[in-house]
C-alpha atoms as a PDB file:
ATOM      1  CA  MET A   1     -28.134   3.721 -12.485  1.00  0.00           C
ATOM      2  CA  THR A   2     -28.914   3.803 -16.391  1.00  0.00           C
ATOM      3  CA  LYS A   3     -30.622   6.934 -17.061  1.00  0.00           C
ATOM      4  CA  THR A   4     -32.144   9.011 -19.913  1.00  0.00           C
ATOM      5  CA  GLY A   5     -31.691  12.223 -19.395  1.00  0.00           C
ATOM      6  CA  ASP A   6     -32.796  13.056 -15.695  1.00  0.00           C
ATOM      7  CA  ILE A   7     -35.428  10.561 -15.727  1.00  0.00           C
ATOM      8  CA  PRO A   8     -34.724   7.109 -13.743  1.00  0.00           C
ATOM      9  CA  THR A   9     -35.069   4.237 -16.745  1.00  0.00           C
ATOM     10  CA  ALA A  10     -38.121   1.761 -15.566  1.00  0.00           C
ATOM     11  CA  TYR A  11     -37.757  -1.902 -15.359  1.00  0.00           C
ATOM     12  CA  PRO A  12     -39.168  -3.101 -18.456  1.00  0.00           C
ATOM     13  CA  HIS A  13     -40.327  -6.729 -17.276  1.00  0.00           C
ATOM     14  CA  ILE A  14     -42.294  -6.480 -13.549  1.00  0.00           C
ATOM     15  CA  GLY A  15     -42.338 -10.182 -12.283  1.00  0.00           C
ATOM     16  CA  VAL A  16     -45.265 -10.540  -9.540  1.00  0.00           C
ATOM     17  CA  PHE A  17     -45.281 -13.520  -7.064  1.00  0.00           C
ATOM     18  CA  GLY A  18     -48.378 -14.007  -5.577  1.00  0.00           C
ATOM     19  CA  ALA A  19     -51.794 -13.433  -7.009  1.00  0.00           C
ATOM     20  CA  GLY A  20     -54.063 -12.564  -4.275  1.00  0.00           C
ATOM     21  CA  ALA A  21     -55.912  -9.526  -4.253  1.00  0.00           C
ATOM     22  CA  TRP A  22     -52.855  -7.342  -3.377  1.00  0.00           C
ATOM     23  CA  GLY A  23     -50.644  -9.109  -5.953  1.00  0.00           C
ATOM     24  CA  THR A  24     -53.241  -8.569  -8.852  1.00  0.00           C
ATOM     25  CA  ALA A  25     -53.864  -5.121  -7.838  1.00  0.00           C
ATOM     26  CA  LEU A  26     -50.042  -4.451  -8.001  1.00  0.00           C
ATOM     27  CA  ALA A  27     -49.753  -6.244 -11.527  1.00  0.00           C
ATOM     28  CA  VAL A  28     -52.420  -4.404 -12.747  1.00  0.00           C
ATOM     29  CA  THR A  29     -50.549  -1.218 -11.505  1.00  0.00           C
ATOM     30  CA  ALA A  30     -47.358  -2.340 -13.375  1.00  0.00           C
ATOM     31  CA  ALA A  31     -49.404  -3.049 -16.477  1.00  0.00           C
ATOM     32  CA  LYS A  32     -50.817   0.388 -16.501  1.00  0.00           C
ATOM     33  CA  ALA A  33     -47.993   1.963 -15.899  1.00  0.00           C
ATOM     34  CA  GLY A  34     -46.445   0.382 -18.990  1.00  0.00           C
ATOM     35  CA  ARG A  35     -44.523  -2.426 -18.122  1.00  0.00           C
ATOM     36  CA  THR A  36     -44.667  -5.874 -19.336  1.00  0.00           C
ATOM     37  CA  VAL A  37     -46.091  -8.348 -16.282  1.00  0.00           C
ATOM     38  CA  THR A  38     -45.846 -11.707 -15.703  1.00  0.00           C
ATOM     39  CA  LEU A  39     -48.507 -12.722 -12.337  1.00  0.00           C
ATOM     40  CA  TRP A  40     -47.708 -15.956 -10.738  1.00  0.00           C
ATOM     41  CA  GLY A  41     -49.794 -17.879  -8.411  1.00  0.00           C
ATOM     42  CA  ARG A  42     -48.947 -20.969  -6.042  1.00  0.00           C
ATOM     43  CA  ASP A  43     -52.251 -22.938  -7.101  1.00  0.00           C
ATOM     44  CA  VAL A  44     -51.778 -23.314 -11.199  1.00  0.00           C
ATOM     45  CA  ALA A  45     -55.482 -23.721 -11.765  1.00  0.00           C
ATOM     46  CA  ARG A  46     -56.502 -20.914 -10.459  1.00  0.00           C
ATOM     47  CA  PRO A  47     -53.866 -18.366 -12.728  1.00  0.00           C
ATOM     48  CA  GLU A  48     -54.844 -20.836 -15.121  1.00  0.00           C
ATOM     49  CA  ALA A  49     -58.875 -20.097 -15.223  1.00  0.00           C
ATOM     50  CA  MET A  50     -57.958 -16.438 -14.996  1.00  0.00           C
ATOM     51  CA  LYS A  51     -55.967 -16.709 -18.099  1.00  0.00           C
ATOM     52  CA  SER A  52     -58.795 -18.232 -19.967  1.00  0.00           C
ATOM     53  CA  THR A  53     -61.461 -15.663 -18.490  1.00  0.00           C
ATOM     54  CA  ARG A  54     -59.220 -12.784 -18.508  1.00  0.00           C
ATOM     55  CA  GLU A  55     -61.047 -11.633 -15.429  1.00  0.00           C
ATOM     56  CA  LYS A  56     -60.651 -12.160 -11.609  1.00  0.00           C
ATOM     57  CA  LYS A  57     -64.278 -10.938 -10.611  1.00  0.00           C
ATOM     58  CA  SER A  58     -63.548 -11.533  -6.758  1.00  0.00           C
ATOM     59  CA  PHE A  59     -61.137  -8.292  -7.260  1.00  0.00           C
ATOM     60  CA  LEU A  60     -61.565  -6.585 -10.094  1.00  0.00           C
ATOM     61  CA  SER A  61     -65.123  -6.526  -9.745  1.00  0.00           C
ATOM     62  CA  GLY A  62     -65.419  -8.061 -13.352  1.00  0.00           C
ATOM     63  CA  GLY A  63     -62.987  -5.953 -14.859  1.00  0.00           C
ATOM     64  CA  ALA A  64     -60.509  -7.600 -18.108  1.00  0.00           C
ATOM     65  CA  LEU A  65     -57.035  -7.563 -17.046  1.00  0.00           C
ATOM     66  CA  PRO A  66     -54.753  -5.595 -19.232  1.00  0.00           C
ATOM     67  CA  ALA A  67     -53.179  -7.260 -22.116  1.00  0.00           C
ATOM     68  CA  ASN A  68     -49.471  -6.973 -21.116  1.00  0.00           C
ATOM     69  CA  LEU A  69     -49.931  -8.863 -18.176  1.00  0.00           C
ATOM     70  CA  GLU A  70     -49.380 -12.684 -18.529  1.00  0.00           C
ATOM     71  CA  LEU A  71     -50.588 -15.047 -16.018  1.00  0.00           C
ATOM     72  CA  THR A  72     -48.508 -18.330 -15.313  1.00  0.00           C
ATOM     73  CA  GLY A  73     -48.140 -21.003 -12.814  1.00  0.00           C
ATOM     74  CA  GLU A  74     -44.434 -21.388 -14.092  1.00  0.00           C
ATOM     75  CA  ARG A  75     -42.386 -19.831 -11.042  1.00  0.00           C
ATOM     76  CA  ALA A  76     -39.305 -19.732 -13.407  1.00  0.00           C
ATOM     77  CA  LYS A  77     -41.330 -16.798 -15.813  1.00  0.00           C
ATOM     78  CA  VAL A  78     -41.406 -14.482 -12.811  1.00  0.00           C
ATOM     79  CA  GLU A  79     -37.473 -15.146 -11.846  1.00  0.00           C
ATOM     80  CA  ARG A  80     -36.681 -14.112 -14.966  1.00  0.00           C
ATOM     81  CA  ALA A  81     -38.005 -10.351 -14.646  1.00  0.00           C
ATOM     82  CA  ASP A  82     -36.454  -7.379 -14.135  1.00  0.00           C
ATOM     83  CA  ALA A  83     -37.612  -6.774 -11.131  1.00  0.00           C
ATOM     84  CA  ILE A  84     -40.074  -9.004  -8.719  1.00  0.00           C
ATOM     85  CA  LEU A  85     -42.589  -8.005  -6.177  1.00  0.00           C
ATOM     86  CA  ALA A  86     -43.546 -10.722  -3.636  1.00  0.00           C
ATOM     87  CA  VAL A  87     -46.823 -10.564  -2.528  1.00  0.00           C
ATOM     88  CA  VAL A  88     -47.260 -13.497  -0.217  1.00  0.00           C
ATOM     89  CA  PRO A  89     -48.173 -13.953   3.689  1.00  0.00           C
ATOM     90  CA  THR A  90     -45.446 -12.786   5.984  1.00  0.00           C
ATOM     91  CA  GLN A  91     -45.091 -15.961   7.854  1.00  0.00           C
ATOM     92  CA  SER A  92     -44.783 -17.799   4.148  1.00  0.00           C
ATOM     93  CA  LEU A  93     -41.917 -15.463   2.843  1.00  0.00           C
ATOM     94  CA  ARG A  94     -39.217 -17.035   4.086  1.00  0.00           C
ATOM     95  CA  GLU A  95     -40.259 -20.494   2.351  1.00  0.00           C
ATOM     96  CA  VAL A  96     -41.102 -18.881  -0.859  1.00  0.00           C
ATOM     97  CA  LEU A  97     -37.599 -17.173  -1.282  1.00  0.00           C
ATOM     98  CA  THR A  98     -35.463 -20.489  -0.798  1.00  0.00           C
ATOM     99  CA  GLY A  99     -34.544 -21.264  -3.811  1.00  0.00           C
ATOM    100  CA  PHE A 100     -35.244 -18.335  -5.776  1.00  0.00           C
ATOM    101  CA  ALA A 101     -33.166 -17.866  -8.830  1.00  0.00           C
ATOM    102  CA  THR A 102     -32.828 -14.526  -9.676  1.00  0.00           C
ATOM    103  CA  SER A 103     -29.645 -12.017 -10.473  1.00  0.00           C
ATOM    104  CA  PRO A 104     -28.454  -9.843  -7.883  1.00  0.00           C
ATOM    105  CA  GLN A 105     -29.333  -6.806 -10.133  1.00  0.00           C
ATOM    106  CA  CYS A 106     -32.791  -7.855 -10.063  1.00  0.00           C
ATOM    107  CA  PRO A 107     -34.650  -6.101  -6.718  1.00  0.00           C
ATOM    108  CA  ILE A 108     -36.626  -8.333  -4.612  1.00  0.00           C
ATOM    109  CA  VAL A 109     -39.618  -5.964  -3.434  1.00  0.00           C
ATOM    110  CA  LEU A 110     -41.343  -6.962  -0.240  1.00  0.00           C
ATOM    111  CA  CYS A 111     -45.287  -5.911  -0.556  1.00  0.00           C
ATOM    112  CA  MET A 112     -46.390  -7.893   2.551  1.00  0.00           C
ATOM    113  CA  LYS A 113     -47.017  -6.168   6.067  1.00  0.00           C
ATOM    114  CA  GLY A 114     -45.450  -8.089   9.370  1.00  0.00           C
ATOM    115  CA  ILE A 115     -42.986  -9.708  11.292  1.00  0.00           C
ATOM    116  CA  GLU A 116     -41.803 -13.493  11.238  1.00  0.00           C
ATOM    117  CA  ARG A 117     -43.315 -14.745  14.209  1.00  0.00           C
ATOM    118  CA  GLY A 118     -40.953 -17.333  15.419  1.00  0.00           C
ATOM    119  CA  SER A 119     -37.783 -15.252  14.883  1.00  0.00           C
ATOM    120  CA  GLY A 120     -39.463 -11.741  15.233  1.00  0.00           C
ATOM    121  CA  LYS A 121     -37.705 -10.387  12.353  1.00  0.00           C
ATOM    122  CA  LEU A 122     -38.683  -7.850   9.870  1.00  0.00           C
ATOM    123  CA  VAL A 123     -39.335  -8.789   6.271  1.00  0.00           C
ATOM    124  CA  THR A 124     -36.325  -6.928   5.178  1.00  0.00           C
ATOM    125  CA  GLU A 125     -34.480  -9.209   7.741  1.00  0.00           C
ATOM    126  CA  VAL A 126     -36.386 -12.473   6.601  1.00  0.00           C
ATOM    127  CA  LEU A 127     -35.238 -11.503   2.776  1.00  0.00           C
ATOM    128  CA  ARG A 128     -31.235 -10.715   4.151  1.00  0.00           C
ATOM    129  CA  GLU A 129     -31.142 -14.379   5.575  1.00  0.00           C
ATOM    130  CA  ALA A 130     -32.902 -15.909   3.031  1.00  0.00           C
ATOM    131  CA  LEU A 131     -31.265 -14.426  -0.204  1.00  0.00           C
ATOM    132  CA  PRO A 132     -27.687 -12.519   1.187  1.00  0.00           C
ATOM    133  CA  ASN A 133     -26.905 -11.402  -2.267  1.00  0.00           C
ATOM    134  CA  ALA A 134     -30.475 -10.114  -3.187  1.00  0.00           C
ATOM    135  CA  GLU A 135     -31.131  -6.428  -3.905  1.00  0.00           C
ATOM    136  CA  PRO A 136     -33.861  -5.624  -1.388  1.00  0.00           C
ATOM    137  CA  ALA A 137     -36.538  -3.064  -1.669  1.00  0.00           C
ATOM    138  CA  LEU A 138     -40.242  -2.676   0.188  1.00  0.00           C
ATOM    139  CA  LEU A 139     -43.181  -1.344  -1.138  1.00  0.00           C
ATOM    140  CA  SER A 140     -45.761  -0.088   1.767  1.00  0.00           C
ATOM    141  CA  GLY A 141     -48.294   2.506   2.720  1.00  0.00           C
ATOM    142  CA  PRO A 142     -52.069   2.930   2.933  1.00  0.00           C
ATOM    143  CA  SER A 143     -53.631   1.338   0.303  1.00  0.00           C
ATOM    144  CA  PHE A 144     -56.506  -1.314  -0.675  1.00  0.00           C
ATOM    145  CA  ALA A 145     -56.286  -3.560  -3.431  1.00  0.00           C
ATOM    146  CA  ARG A 146     -59.843  -2.684  -4.650  1.00  0.00           C
ATOM    147  CA  ASP A 147     -59.253   1.078  -4.525  1.00  0.00           C
ATOM    148  CA  VAL A 148     -55.853   0.567  -6.642  1.00  0.00           C
ATOM    149  CA  VAL A 149     -57.234  -1.829  -9.421  1.00  0.00           C
ATOM    150  CA  GLN A 150     -60.155   1.051  -9.478  1.00  0.00           C
ATOM    151  CA  GLY A 151     -57.961   3.727 -10.301  1.00  0.00           C
ATOM    152  CA  LEU A 152     -58.173   5.916  -7.214  1.00  0.00           C
ATOM    153  CA  PRO A 153     -55.590   8.125  -6.355  1.00  0.00           C
ATOM    154  CA  THR A 154     -53.346   6.071  -3.941  1.00  0.00           C
ATOM    155  CA  ALA A 155     -49.965   7.070  -2.798  1.00  0.00           C
ATOM    156  CA  VAL A 156     -47.231   4.383  -1.056  1.00  0.00           C
ATOM    157  CA  THR A 157     -43.622   4.383  -0.243  1.00  0.00           C
ATOM    158  CA  ILE A 158     -40.817   2.546  -1.791  1.00  0.00           C
ATOM    159  CA  ALA A 159     -37.811   1.827   0.429  1.00  0.00           C
ATOM    160  CA  ALA A 160     -34.600   0.720  -1.016  1.00  0.00           C
ATOM    161  CA  ARG A 161     -31.256   2.403  -1.971  1.00  0.00           C
ATOM    162  CA  THR A 162     -32.150   5.418  -4.156  1.00  0.00           C
ATOM    163  CA  PRO A 163     -31.283   4.131  -7.392  1.00  0.00           C
ATOM    164  CA  ILE A 164     -33.535   1.629  -6.794  1.00  0.00           C
ATOM    165  CA  ALA A 165     -36.189   3.036  -5.331  1.00  0.00           C
ATOM    166  CA  GLN A 166     -35.893   5.912  -8.207  1.00  0.00           C
ATOM    167  CA  ARG A 167     -36.191   3.278 -10.906  1.00  0.00           C
ATOM    168  CA  LEU A 168     -38.815   1.331  -8.867  1.00  0.00           C
ATOM    169  CA  GLN A 169     -41.173   4.436  -9.002  1.00  0.00           C
ATOM    170  CA  ALA A 170     -40.775   4.630 -12.555  1.00  0.00           C
ATOM    171  CA  SER A 171     -41.654   1.510 -13.235  1.00  0.00           C
ATOM    172  CA  LEU A 172     -44.661   1.395 -10.934  1.00  0.00           C
ATOM    173  CA  GLY A 173     -46.144   5.048 -11.119  1.00  0.00           C
ATOM    174  CA  HIS A 174     -48.869   6.538 -12.952  1.00  0.00           C
ATOM    175  CA  ALA A 175     -51.660   8.816 -13.194  1.00  0.00           C
ATOM    176  CA  THR A 176     -53.410   7.673  -9.858  1.00  0.00           C
ATOM    177  CA  PHE A 177     -50.472   5.374  -8.379  1.00  0.00           C
ATOM    178  CA  ARG A 178     -47.735   7.709  -7.013  1.00  0.00           C
ATOM    179  CA  PRO A 179     -45.001   5.950  -5.158  1.00  0.00           C
ATOM    180  CA  TYR A 180     -42.691   8.197  -2.896  1.00  0.00           C
ATOM    181  CA  ALA A 181     -38.894   7.044  -2.377  1.00  0.00           C
ATOM    182  CA  SER A 182     -36.920   6.112   0.545  1.00  0.00           C
ATOM    183  CA  GLU A 183     -34.192   4.529   2.356  1.00  0.00           C
ATOM    184  CA  ASP A 184     -35.265   3.735   5.303  1.00  0.00           C
ATOM    185  CA  MET A 185     -36.271   0.185   5.336  1.00  0.00           C
ATOM    186  CA  ILE A 186     -36.441  -0.236   9.177  1.00  0.00           C
ATOM    187  CA  GLY A 187     -38.671   2.367   9.444  1.00  0.00           C
ATOM    188  CA  VAL A 188     -41.428   1.383   6.285  1.00  0.00           C
ATOM    189  CA  ALA A 189     -40.760  -2.484   7.278  1.00  0.00           C
ATOM    190  CA  LEU A 190     -41.957  -1.475  10.971  1.00  0.00           C
ATOM    191  CA  GLY A 191     -45.063   0.739  10.422  1.00  0.00           C
ATOM    192  CA  GLY A 192     -46.547  -1.687   7.942  1.00  0.00           C
ATOM    193  CA  ALA A 193     -46.307  -4.676  10.448  1.00  0.00           C
ATOM    194  CA  ALA A 194     -47.654  -2.500  13.487  1.00  0.00           C
ATOM    195  CA  LYS A 195     -50.434  -1.150  12.187  1.00  0.00           C
ATOM    196  CA  ASN A 196     -52.074  -4.418  11.792  1.00  0.00           C
ATOM    197  CA  VAL A 197     -51.990  -4.914  15.497  1.00  0.00           C
ATOM    198  CA  TYR A 198     -52.924  -1.561  16.588  1.00  0.00           C
ATOM    199  CA  ALA A 199     -56.015  -1.687  14.028  1.00  0.00           C
ATOM    200  CA  ILE A 200     -57.118  -4.694  15.506  1.00  0.00           C
ATOM    201  CA  ALA A 201     -57.397  -2.755  19.140  1.00  0.00           C
ATOM    202  CA  CYS A 202     -59.311  -0.225  17.595  1.00  0.00           C
ATOM    203  CA  GLY A 203     -61.615  -2.532  15.798  1.00  0.00           C
ATOM    204  CA  ILE A 204     -62.027  -3.972  19.212  1.00  0.00           C
ATOM    205  CA  VAL A 205     -62.835  -0.343  20.764  1.00  0.00           C
ATOM    206  CA  ILE A 206     -65.676   0.381  18.082  1.00  0.00           C
ATOM    207  CA  GLY A 207     -67.119  -3.502  18.727  1.00  0.00           C
ATOM    208  CA  LEU A 208     -67.420  -2.611  21.891  1.00  0.00           C
ATOM    209  CA  GLY A 209     -69.267   0.533  21.508  1.00  0.00           C
ATOM    210  CA  LEU A 210     -66.768   2.736  23.190  1.00  0.00           C
ATOM    211  CA  GLY A 211     -67.063   5.325  20.420  1.00  0.00           C
ATOM    212  CA  GLU A 212     -64.706   7.836  18.460  1.00  0.00           C
ATOM    213  CA  SER A 213     -63.033   9.338  21.328  1.00  0.00           C
ATOM    214  CA  ALA A 214     -61.655   6.277  22.869  1.00  0.00           C
ATOM    215  CA  ARG A 215     -60.522   5.126  19.261  1.00  0.00           C
ATOM    216  CA  ALA A 216     -58.849   8.513  18.841  1.00  0.00           C
ATOM    217  CA  ALA A 217     -57.180   8.171  22.247  1.00  0.00           C
ATOM    218  CA  LEU A 218     -55.890   4.751  21.631  1.00  0.00           C
ATOM    219  CA  LEU A 219     -54.776   5.633  17.862  1.00  0.00           C
ATOM    220  CA  ALA A 220     -52.445   8.010  19.591  1.00  0.00           C
ATOM    221  CA  ARG A 221     -50.990   6.116  22.151  1.00  0.00           C
ATOM    222  CA  SER A 222     -50.870   3.339  19.645  1.00  0.00           C
ATOM    223  CA  PHE A 223     -48.770   5.631  17.343  1.00  0.00           C
ATOM    224  CA  SER A 224     -46.374   6.890  20.174  1.00  0.00           C
ATOM    225  CA  GLU A 225     -45.775   3.042  20.852  1.00  0.00           C
ATOM    226  CA  LEU A 226     -44.914   2.516  17.404  1.00  0.00           C
ATOM    227  CA  CYS A 227     -42.575   5.688  17.178  1.00  0.00           C
ATOM    228  CA  GLN A 228     -40.791   4.387  20.502  1.00  0.00           C
ATOM    229  CA  LEU A 229     -40.091   1.057  19.061  1.00  0.00           C
ATOM    230  CA  GLY A 230     -38.690   2.807  16.101  1.00  0.00           C
ATOM    231  CA  ARG A 231     -36.658   4.853  17.737  1.00  0.00           C
ATOM    232  CA  ALA A 232     -34.975   1.635  19.237  1.00  0.00           C
ATOM    233  CA  LEU A 233     -34.679  -0.027  15.911  1.00  0.00           C
ATOM    234  CA  GLY A 234     -33.192   3.107  14.316  1.00  0.00           C
ATOM    235  CA  ALA A 235     -36.190   4.218  12.118  1.00  0.00           C
ATOM    236  CA  ARG A 236     -36.284   7.691  11.254  1.00  0.00           C
ATOM    237  CA  HIS A 237     -38.983   9.662  12.664  1.00  0.00           C
ATOM    238  CA  GLU A 238     -40.008  11.191   9.293  1.00  0.00           C
ATOM    239  CA  THR A 239     -40.589   8.016   8.195  1.00  0.00           C
ATOM    240  CA  LEU A 240     -42.939   6.980  10.841  1.00  0.00           C
ATOM    241  CA  MET A 241     -44.961   9.983  10.301  1.00  0.00           C
ATOM    242  CA  GLY A 242     -45.511   9.279   6.474  1.00  0.00           C
ATOM    243  CA  LEU A 243     -47.366   7.139   4.438  1.00  0.00           C
ATOM    244  CA  SER A 244     -45.871   3.689   5.621  1.00  0.00           C
ATOM    245  CA  GLY A 245     -46.382   4.365   9.050  1.00  0.00           C
ATOM    246  CA  LEU A 246     -49.161   7.082  10.157  1.00  0.00           C
ATOM    247  CA  GLY A 247     -50.593   7.223   6.917  1.00  0.00           C
ATOM    248  CA  ASP A 248     -51.248   3.045   6.919  1.00  0.00           C
ATOM    249  CA  LEU A 249     -52.004   3.045  10.674  1.00  0.00           C
ATOM    250  CA  MET A 250     -54.814   5.755   9.868  1.00  0.00           C
ATOM    251  CA  LEU A 251     -56.049   3.742   7.069  1.00  0.00           C
ATOM    252  CA  THR A 252     -55.813   0.272   8.362  1.00  0.00           C
ATOM    253  CA  ALA A 253     -57.239   1.159  11.854  1.00  0.00           C
ATOM    254  CA  THR A 254     -60.573   3.265  10.568  1.00  0.00           C
ATOM    255  CA  SER A 255     -61.952   1.498   7.677  1.00  0.00           C
ATOM    256  CA  SER A 256     -64.194  -1.779   7.905  1.00  0.00           C
ATOM    257  CA  THR A 257     -62.428  -2.590   4.323  1.00  0.00           C
ATOM    258  CA  SER A 258     -59.163  -3.329   6.485  1.00  0.00           C
ATOM    259  CA  ARG A 259     -59.418  -7.139   7.649  1.00  0.00           C
ATOM    260  CA  ASN A 260     -57.703  -6.483  10.759  1.00  0.00           C
ATOM    261  CA  PHE A 261     -59.776  -3.515  12.169  1.00  0.00           C
ATOM    262  CA  SER A 262     -63.082  -5.855  10.829  1.00  0.00           C
ATOM    263  CA  PHE A 263     -61.331  -9.058  12.774  1.00  0.00           C
ATOM    264  CA  GLY A 264     -61.227  -6.756  16.107  1.00  0.00           C
ATOM    265  CA  LEU A 265     -64.630  -5.039  15.358  1.00  0.00           C
ATOM    266  CA  ALA A 266     -65.753  -8.975  15.473  1.00  0.00           C
ATOM    267  CA  LEU A 267     -63.834  -9.428  18.736  1.00  0.00           C
ATOM    268  CA  GLY A 268     -65.648  -6.834  19.971  1.00  0.00           C
ATOM    269  CA  ARG A 269     -68.992  -7.796  19.112  1.00  0.00           C
ATOM    270  CA  GLY A 270     -68.625 -10.979  20.896  1.00  0.00           C
ATOM    271  CA  ARG A 271     -67.622 -13.268  18.233  1.00  0.00           C
ATOM    272  CA  PRO A 272     -65.388 -16.292  19.209  1.00  0.00           C
ATOM    273  CA  ILE A 273     -61.613 -15.895  17.779  1.00  0.00           C
ATOM    274  CA  ARG A 274     -61.664 -19.881  17.000  1.00  0.00           C
ATOM    275  CA  ASP A 275     -64.758 -18.875  14.739  1.00  0.00           C
ATOM    276  CA  LEU A 276     -62.566 -15.946  12.693  1.00  0.00           C
ATOM    277  CA  LEU A 277     -59.372 -17.729  12.598  1.00  0.00           C
ATOM    278  CA  ALA A 278     -61.573 -20.934  11.123  1.00  0.00           C
ATOM    279  CA  PRO A 279     -60.162 -22.739   7.965  1.00  0.00           C
ATOM    280  CA  GLY A 280     -61.086 -20.290   5.078  1.00  0.00           C
ATOM    281  CA  ALA A 281     -61.682 -17.084   6.824  1.00  0.00           C
ATOM    282  CA  PRO A 282     -59.787 -14.042   5.550  1.00  0.00           C
ATOM    283  CA  LEU A 283     -55.947 -13.873   6.489  1.00  0.00           C
ATOM    284  CA  VAL A 284     -55.463 -11.473   9.385  1.00  0.00           C
ATOM    285  CA  GLU A 285     -51.329 -10.658   9.518  1.00  0.00           C
ATOM    286  CA  GLY A 286     -51.984  -8.385  12.678  1.00  0.00           C
ATOM    287  CA  VAL A 287     -52.897 -11.735  14.689  1.00  0.00           C
ATOM    288  CA  GLU A 288     -49.465 -13.625  14.109  1.00  0.00           C
ATOM    289  CA  THR A 289     -47.552 -10.105  14.050  1.00  0.00           C
ATOM    290  CA  ALA A 290     -48.650  -8.978  17.525  1.00  0.00           C
ATOM    291  CA  PRO A 291     -46.730 -11.610  19.731  1.00  0.00           C
ATOM    292  CA  ALA A 292     -43.910 -10.890  17.403  1.00  0.00           C
ATOM    293  CA  LEU A 293     -44.184  -7.348  17.678  1.00  0.00           C
ATOM    294  CA  VAL A 294     -44.290  -7.546  21.391  1.00  0.00           C
ATOM    295  CA  ALA A 295     -41.360  -9.974  22.007  1.00  0.00           C
ATOM    296  CA  ARG A 296     -38.862  -7.697  19.491  1.00  0.00           C
ATOM    297  CA  ALA A 297     -39.886  -4.523  21.631  1.00  0.00           C
ATOM    298  CA  ARG A 298     -38.961  -6.546  24.865  1.00  0.00           C
ATOM    299  CA  SER A 299     -35.797  -7.402  23.676  1.00  0.00           C
ATOM    300  CA  ALA A 300     -35.542  -3.946  22.854  1.00  0.00           C
ATOM    301  CA  GLY A 301     -36.229  -2.734  26.353  1.00  0.00           C
ATOM    302  CA  VAL A 302     -39.755  -1.176  24.721  1.00  0.00           C
ATOM    303  CA  ASP A 303     -42.759  -1.195  26.638  1.00  0.00           C
ATOM    304  CA  LEU A 304     -45.936  -1.646  24.406  1.00  0.00           C
ATOM    305  CA  PRO A 305     -48.842  -1.705  26.608  1.00  0.00           C
ATOM    306  CA  VAL A 306     -51.600  -1.502  23.765  1.00  0.00           C
ATOM    307  CA  ALA A 307     -49.834  -4.084  21.644  1.00  0.00           C
ATOM    308  CA  ALA A 308     -49.360  -6.315  24.628  1.00  0.00           C
ATOM    309  CA  THR A 309     -53.023  -6.073  25.521  1.00  0.00           C
ATOM    310  CA  VAL A 310     -53.635  -7.186  21.941  1.00  0.00           C
ATOM    311  CA  VAL A 311     -51.217 -10.312  22.766  1.00  0.00           C
ATOM    312  CA  ASP A 312     -53.254 -11.230  25.814  1.00  0.00           C
ATOM    313  CA  VAL A 313     -56.792 -10.962  24.284  1.00  0.00           C
ATOM    314  CA  LEU A 314     -56.067 -13.087  21.220  1.00  0.00           C
ATOM    315  CA  ALA A 315     -54.485 -15.561  23.558  1.00  0.00           C
ATOM    316  CA  GLY A 316     -57.285 -15.701  25.425  1.00  0.00           C
ATOM    317  CA  GLY A 317     -56.013 -14.251  28.732  1.00  0.00           C
ATOM    318  CA  MET A 318     -58.038 -11.153  28.791  1.00  0.00           C
ATOM    319  CA  THR A 319     -61.736 -10.631  27.600  1.00  0.00           C
ATOM    320  CA  PRO A 320     -62.148  -7.732  24.871  1.00  0.00           C
ATOM    321  CA  GLY A 321     -64.218  -6.330  27.521  1.00  0.00           C
ATOM    322  CA  ALA A 322     -61.469  -6.093  30.276  1.00  0.00           C
ATOM    323  CA  ALA A 323     -58.784  -5.006  27.811  1.00  0.00           C
ATOM    324  CA  VAL A 324     -59.677  -1.132  27.553  1.00  0.00           C
ATOM    325  CA  PRO A 325     -60.893  -0.620  31.270  1.00  0.00           C
ATOM    326  CA  TRP A 326     -56.997  -2.276  32.110  1.00  0.00           C
ATOM    327  CA  LEU A 327     -55.234  -0.183  29.698  1.00  0.00           C
ATOM    328  CA  MET A 328     -57.331   3.216  31.219  1.00  0.00           C
ATOM    329  CA  GLY A 329     -56.530   1.922  34.907  1.00  0.00           C
ATOM    330  CA  ARG A 330     -52.742   1.945  34.145  1.00  0.00           C
ATOM    331  CA  PRO A 331     -50.682   4.645  36.762  1.00  0.00           C
ATOM    332  CA  TYR A 332     -50.468   8.239  35.118  1.00  0.00           C
ATOM    333  CA  LYS A 333     -47.758   8.998  32.940  1.00  0.00           C
ATOM    334  CA  LYS A 334     -46.404  12.205  31.090  1.00  0.00           C
ATOM    335  CA  GLU A 335     -47.426  12.078  27.553  1.00  0.00           C
END
């Protein structure tokens, strides 16, 4: 790693692949940190419209985009960056990565949270299969796009080989955005994926009017499940106790800003699943991740009763009103 003194050298040009809320927020963050940023969107017309107005009102509340942030519909411009942040839905990741033309020295930083439904693979495992020679990295943690764009204090985890993680810290960190470095790719990927499933469960509890005590108990048991699966897959306990594990779970499972919590809340209040998943509805990563998480756990010999109950509710095999009594009625056990 090239250094000036003891300070890691930042990547001068950051490419962001995906111009949704989180992609836009990270692009703004990199620009605020002083980097040259290129932001790509799948729909060419949308980035071009943003380019003409220099605003993205739905995410930035009318705030102007920084001058050092270029919007483009040309994929090649992003691929020429020194580091690339991939900010796309988990279930689209493999398709997006196919044909990526980047140098082996260019880190691909995965900024989505989920598990691939068909294979049960973590996003880092999908990257390894799709681009075996890529330099993998992962950005995760308790963060809402609007908070980041508005400059509210936010801390995240960047997982990668230590020299790469340190350069990414230097590239993205600034006064209100603090990245912590980790080498635990499994723990960071698993924490980001599982918390969406458990946030749906917590939303159901509140939607049913079962109270804060019930949600606290469910949160604790959910975190216990996450730790059990983490141990089986080789994640580090300190990672699961940190920002990308417990921190992200607490944020996502307790805030109506969370799409996964809000989805569960609506289920608990009686909204039909088909309405909540209708075309044009907000993406809820936990819906696709839930069955993949449970399948991955079973293959590792780990029982996830809370996550499995979410799967049953989503599949229509159990009503939200029956889910919590079923969990409460399971045989007693040691904590």
